[in-house]
Amino acid sequence: MELRNTVVIPKVISREVSTMHIGFDLDKVFVDYPPLIPTWLIDFLYRNHRSKRLVYRIPGVIEQKLRKASHYPSLRPALRENIAFLQRLASAKKHRLSLVSSRFSFLKQETEELIKRLHLDTYFSVLQFNFEDMQPHEFKLKTLKSLGITHYVDDDLALLEYLGKKLPRVTFFWLNPRIKAKISDNIFAVTSLSHIPHD
């Protein structure tokens, strides 16, 4: 399957479907970072720290090659517990589910292979990718608005804080390994996808 910016996959939803439309990020939600490289270091390198505003770095040619190399399947293990939760959620057919990933276009081939390998296209109604290379937070703001997402899960707290202010009616979940708490009126820290209301 060749991925475009938006892939819409018809899904049968229960007649008793709720009004929830749950969106999920991809990296650190369903697929992990490479082992032996600290998460904080990868997150640090993704951003432009010279700016006072939230700005993400679009890597140059050499760094793109390094990043592509880091996306070999053996270096990006699936987060099996989260995928199992996604399978159960999709099987219940109670909510609309969308994948919203801000991966840049230079990772398009690797992303296509990952989606196929993990069969993620079988669980989501919409798969949305940032192959036009927008700033990730601006891409996700535009996408969440256009799709009518009501709940969104991501591992990037700075991004969620930006979105939380722009989209006060959306409930956001910061997936992280340590903290379970209320961050703001519409941002909640969770350590497991099972902590997200889904009944």
Protein backbone atom coordinates (compact mmCIF):
# COMPACT_ATOMS: atom_id res chain seq x y z
CA MET A 1 0.00 0.00 0.00
CA GLU A 2 1.42 3.34 -1.03
CA LEU A 3 0.76 5.98 1.58
CA ARG A 4 -0.44 9.46 0.68
CA ASN A 5 -0.95 12.40 3.00
CA THR A 6 -4.36 10.96 3.85
CA VAL A 7 -5.51 7.35 3.56
CA VAL A 8 -9.21 6.73 4.24
CA ILE A 9 -10.22 3.14 4.93
CA PRO A 10 -13.97 2.37 5.19
CA LYS A 11 -14.83 0.74 8.50
CA VAL A 12 -18.05 -0.71 9.88
CA ILE A 13 -18.93 1.02 13.16
CA SER A 14 -21.58 -0.18 15.62
CA ARG A 15 -24.95 1.57 15.49
CA GLU A 16 -24.38 2.33 19.15
CA VAL A 17 -21.18 4.18 18.33
CA SER A 18 -20.17 6.92 20.72
CA THR A 19 -19.26 10.43 19.67
CA MET A 20 -15.59 9.73 20.43
CA HIS A 21 -13.11 10.00 17.60
CA ILE A 22 -9.77 8.90 19.01
CA GLY A 23 -6.53 9.89 17.30
CA PHE A 24 -3.15 8.32 17.96
CA ASP A 25 0.41 9.31 17.20
CA LEU A 26 2.68 6.59 15.78
CA ASP A 27 6.17 6.79 17.29
CA LYS A 28 6.44 5.95 21.00
CA VAL A 29 2.77 4.94 20.90
CA PHE A 30 2.87 1.88 18.62
CA VAL A 31 6.56 1.70 17.74
CA ASP A 32 9.51 2.40 20.02
CA TYR A 33 12.69 4.39 19.54
CA PRO A 34 15.94 2.52 18.84
CA PRO A 35 17.32 0.71 21.89
CA LEU A 36 20.39 2.03 23.70
CA ILE A 37 19.67 5.62 22.61
CA PRO A 38 18.08 7.67 25.43
CA THR A 39 14.60 8.95 24.65
CA TRP A 40 15.46 12.40 26.01
CA LEU A 41 18.33 12.71 23.51
CA ILE A 42 16.16 11.86 20.50
CA ASP A 43 13.46 14.26 21.66
CA PHE A 44 16.08 16.97 22.19
CA LEU A 45 17.48 16.55 18.68
CA TYR A 46 14.03 16.79 17.11
CA ARG A 47 13.55 20.41 18.24
CA ASN A 48 15.12 23.75 17.43
CA HIS A 49 16.13 25.04 20.86
CA ARG A 50 17.32 28.40 19.56
CA SER A 51 13.75 29.54 19.12
CA LYS A 52 11.55 30.64 22.02
CA ARG A 53 8.58 29.24 20.15
CA LEU A 54 7.90 25.55 19.57
CA VAL A 55 9.86 24.70 16.42
CA TYR A 56 10.89 21.29 15.13
CA ARG A 57 14.04 20.71 13.10
CA ILE A 58 13.74 19.48 9.52
CA PRO A 59 17.02 17.57 9.15
CA GLY A 60 19.52 18.07 6.37
CA VAL A 61 20.54 15.40 3.87
CA ILE A 62 23.18 13.69 6.02
CA GLU A 63 20.95 13.57 9.10
CA GLN A 64 18.08 12.28 6.98
CA LYS A 65 20.24 9.31 5.95
CA LEU A 66 21.10 8.63 9.59
CA ARG A 67 17.47 8.82 10.61
CA LYS A 68 16.45 6.51 7.78
CA ALA A 69 19.06 4.01 8.94
CA SER A 70 17.61 4.19 12.48
CA HIS A 71 14.24 3.08 11.12
CA TYR A 72 15.28 -0.44 10.19
CA PRO A 73 12.64 -2.80 11.65
CA SER A 74 15.08 -4.35 14.11
CA LEU A 75 15.80 -0.88 15.53
CA ARG A 76 12.14 0.13 15.85
CA PRO A 77 10.44 -2.59 17.91
CA ALA A 78 6.67 -2.66 18.05
CA LEU A 79 5.04 -1.77 21.36
CA ARG A 80 3.02 -4.98 21.49
CA GLU A 81 0.93 -4.13 24.54
CA ASN A 82 -0.30 -0.93 22.88
CA ILE A 83 -1.03 -2.67 19.60
CA ALA A 84 -3.00 -5.35 21.47
CA PHE A 85 -5.06 -2.57 23.08
CA LEU A 86 -5.63 -1.04 19.65
CA GLN A 87 -6.79 -4.40 18.31
CA ARG A 88 -9.36 -4.73 21.10
CA LEU A 89 -10.53 -1.17 20.63
CA ALA A 90 -10.94 -1.62 16.88
CA SER A 91 -12.74 -4.95 17.33
CA ALA A 92 -15.32 -3.33 19.61
CA LYS A 93 -16.30 -0.98 16.74
CA LYS A 94 -17.55 1.65 19.18
CA HIS A 95 -15.32 4.57 18.24
CA ARG A 96 -13.75 6.09 15.16
CA LEU A 97 -9.98 5.59 15.24
CA SER A 98 -7.40 7.60 13.30
CA LEU A 99 -3.62 7.54 13.06
CA VAL A 100 -2.06 11.01 12.87
CA SER A 101 1.70 10.93 12.40
CA SER A 102 3.95 13.93 11.79
CA ARG A 103 6.78 11.91 10.25
CA PHE A 104 8.45 13.86 7.46
CA SER A 105 8.35 12.83 3.80
CA PHE A 106 11.91 11.44 3.74
CA LEU A 107 10.60 8.58 5.93
CA LYS A 108 7.70 7.74 3.61
CA GLN A 109 9.10 4.38 2.45
CA GLU A 110 10.00 3.32 5.99
CA THR A 111 6.54 4.36 7.19
CA GLU A 112 4.81 2.37 4.43
CA GLU A 113 6.82 -0.72 5.38
CA LEU A 114 6.03 -0.22 9.08
CA ILE A 115 2.29 0.16 8.50
CA LYS A 116 2.28 -3.01 6.40
CA ARG A 117 4.43 -4.97 8.86
CA LEU A 118 2.25 -4.12 11.86
CA HIS A 119 -1.03 -4.24 9.89
CA LEU A 120 -1.97 -0.84 11.29
CA ASP A 121 -4.14 -0.05 8.28
CA THR A 122 -6.58 -2.73 9.47
CA TYR A 123 -7.42 -0.83 12.67
CA PHE A 124 -7.84 2.80 11.61
CA SER A 125 -10.49 4.57 9.55
CA VAL A 126 -8.03 7.29 8.57
CA LEU A 127 -4.24 7.36 8.40
CA GLN A 128 -2.87 10.90 8.11
CA PHE A 129 0.80 11.66 7.47
CA ASN A 130 2.88 14.81 7.34
CA PHE A 131 4.41 14.13 3.93
CA GLU A 132 4.17 17.82 3.02
CA ASP A 133 6.74 18.50 5.78
CA MET A 134 4.77 21.01 7.82
CA GLN A 135 5.88 21.83 11.34
CA PRO A 136 4.56 18.83 13.34
CA HIS A 137 2.47 20.86 15.81
CA GLU A 138 0.91 22.91 13.00
CA PHE A 139 0.24 19.76 10.96
CA LYS A 140 -1.48 18.09 13.90
CA LEU A 141 -3.53 21.19 14.70
CA LYS A 142 -4.79 21.31 11.12
CA THR A 143 -5.43 17.56 11.00
CA LEU A 144 -7.22 17.24 14.33
CA LYS A 145 -9.51 20.10 13.32
CA SER A 146 -10.28 18.66 9.88
CA LEU A 147 -10.93 15.13 11.16
CA GLY A 148 -13.03 16.20 14.13
CA ILE A 149 -10.83 14.35 16.62
CA THR A 150 -12.27 14.43 20.14
CA HIS A 151 -9.44 12.60 21.96
CA TYR A 152 -5.77 12.45 21.00
CA VAL A 153 -2.80 10.43 22.31
CA ASP A 154 0.82 11.54 21.89
CA ASP A 155 4.15 11.19 23.69
CA ASP A 156 5.24 14.81 23.08
CA LEU A 157 4.10 16.99 25.99
CA ALA A 158 5.27 20.29 24.45
CA LEU A 159 3.23 19.54 21.35
CA LEU A 160 0.19 18.61 23.44
CA GLU A 161 0.44 21.81 25.44
CA TYR A 162 0.40 23.77 22.18
CA LEU A 163 -2.60 21.81 20.90
CA GLY A 164 -4.39 21.98 24.24
CA LYS A 165 -4.50 25.77 24.10
CA LYS A 166 -5.62 25.83 20.47
CA LEU A 167 -8.23 23.07 20.82
CA PRO A 168 -9.80 23.42 24.28
CA ARG A 169 -12.68 21.04 23.46
CA VAL A 170 -10.34 18.16 22.61
CA THR A 171 -9.09 15.87 25.38
CA PHE A 172 -5.40 15.05 25.13
CA PHE A 173 -3.44 12.20 26.67
CA TRP A 174 0.31 12.38 27.22
CA LEU A 175 1.59 8.80 27.05
CA ASN A 176 4.71 8.49 29.19
CA PRO A 177 6.35 5.79 31.33
CA ARG A 178 6.17 7.46 34.76
CA ILE A 179 3.45 10.05 35.36
CA LYS A 180 -0.29 9.60 35.73
CA ALA A 181 -1.84 12.96 36.54
CA LYS A 182 -3.92 15.88 35.32
CA ILE A 183 -1.64 18.34 33.50
CA SER A 184 -4.26 20.95 32.59
CA ASP A 185 -8.00 21.19 32.00
CA ASN A 186 -7.78 19.05 28.87
CA ILE A 187 -4.40 17.30 29.10
CA PHE A 188 -3.92 14.13 31.14
CA ALA A 189 -0.74 12.14 31.69
CA VAL A 190 -1.21 8.37 31.35
CA THR A 191 1.24 5.50 31.61
CA SER A 192 -0.87 3.06 29.60
CA LEU A 193 -3.37 3.27 26.75
CA SER A 194 -5.78 1.37 28.98
CA HIS A 195 -6.08 4.50 31.14
CA ILE A 196 -7.83 6.29 28.28
CA PRO A 197 -11.66 6.27 28.62
CA HIS A 198 -12.95 4.01 25.88
CA ASP A 199 -16.11 2.22 27.07
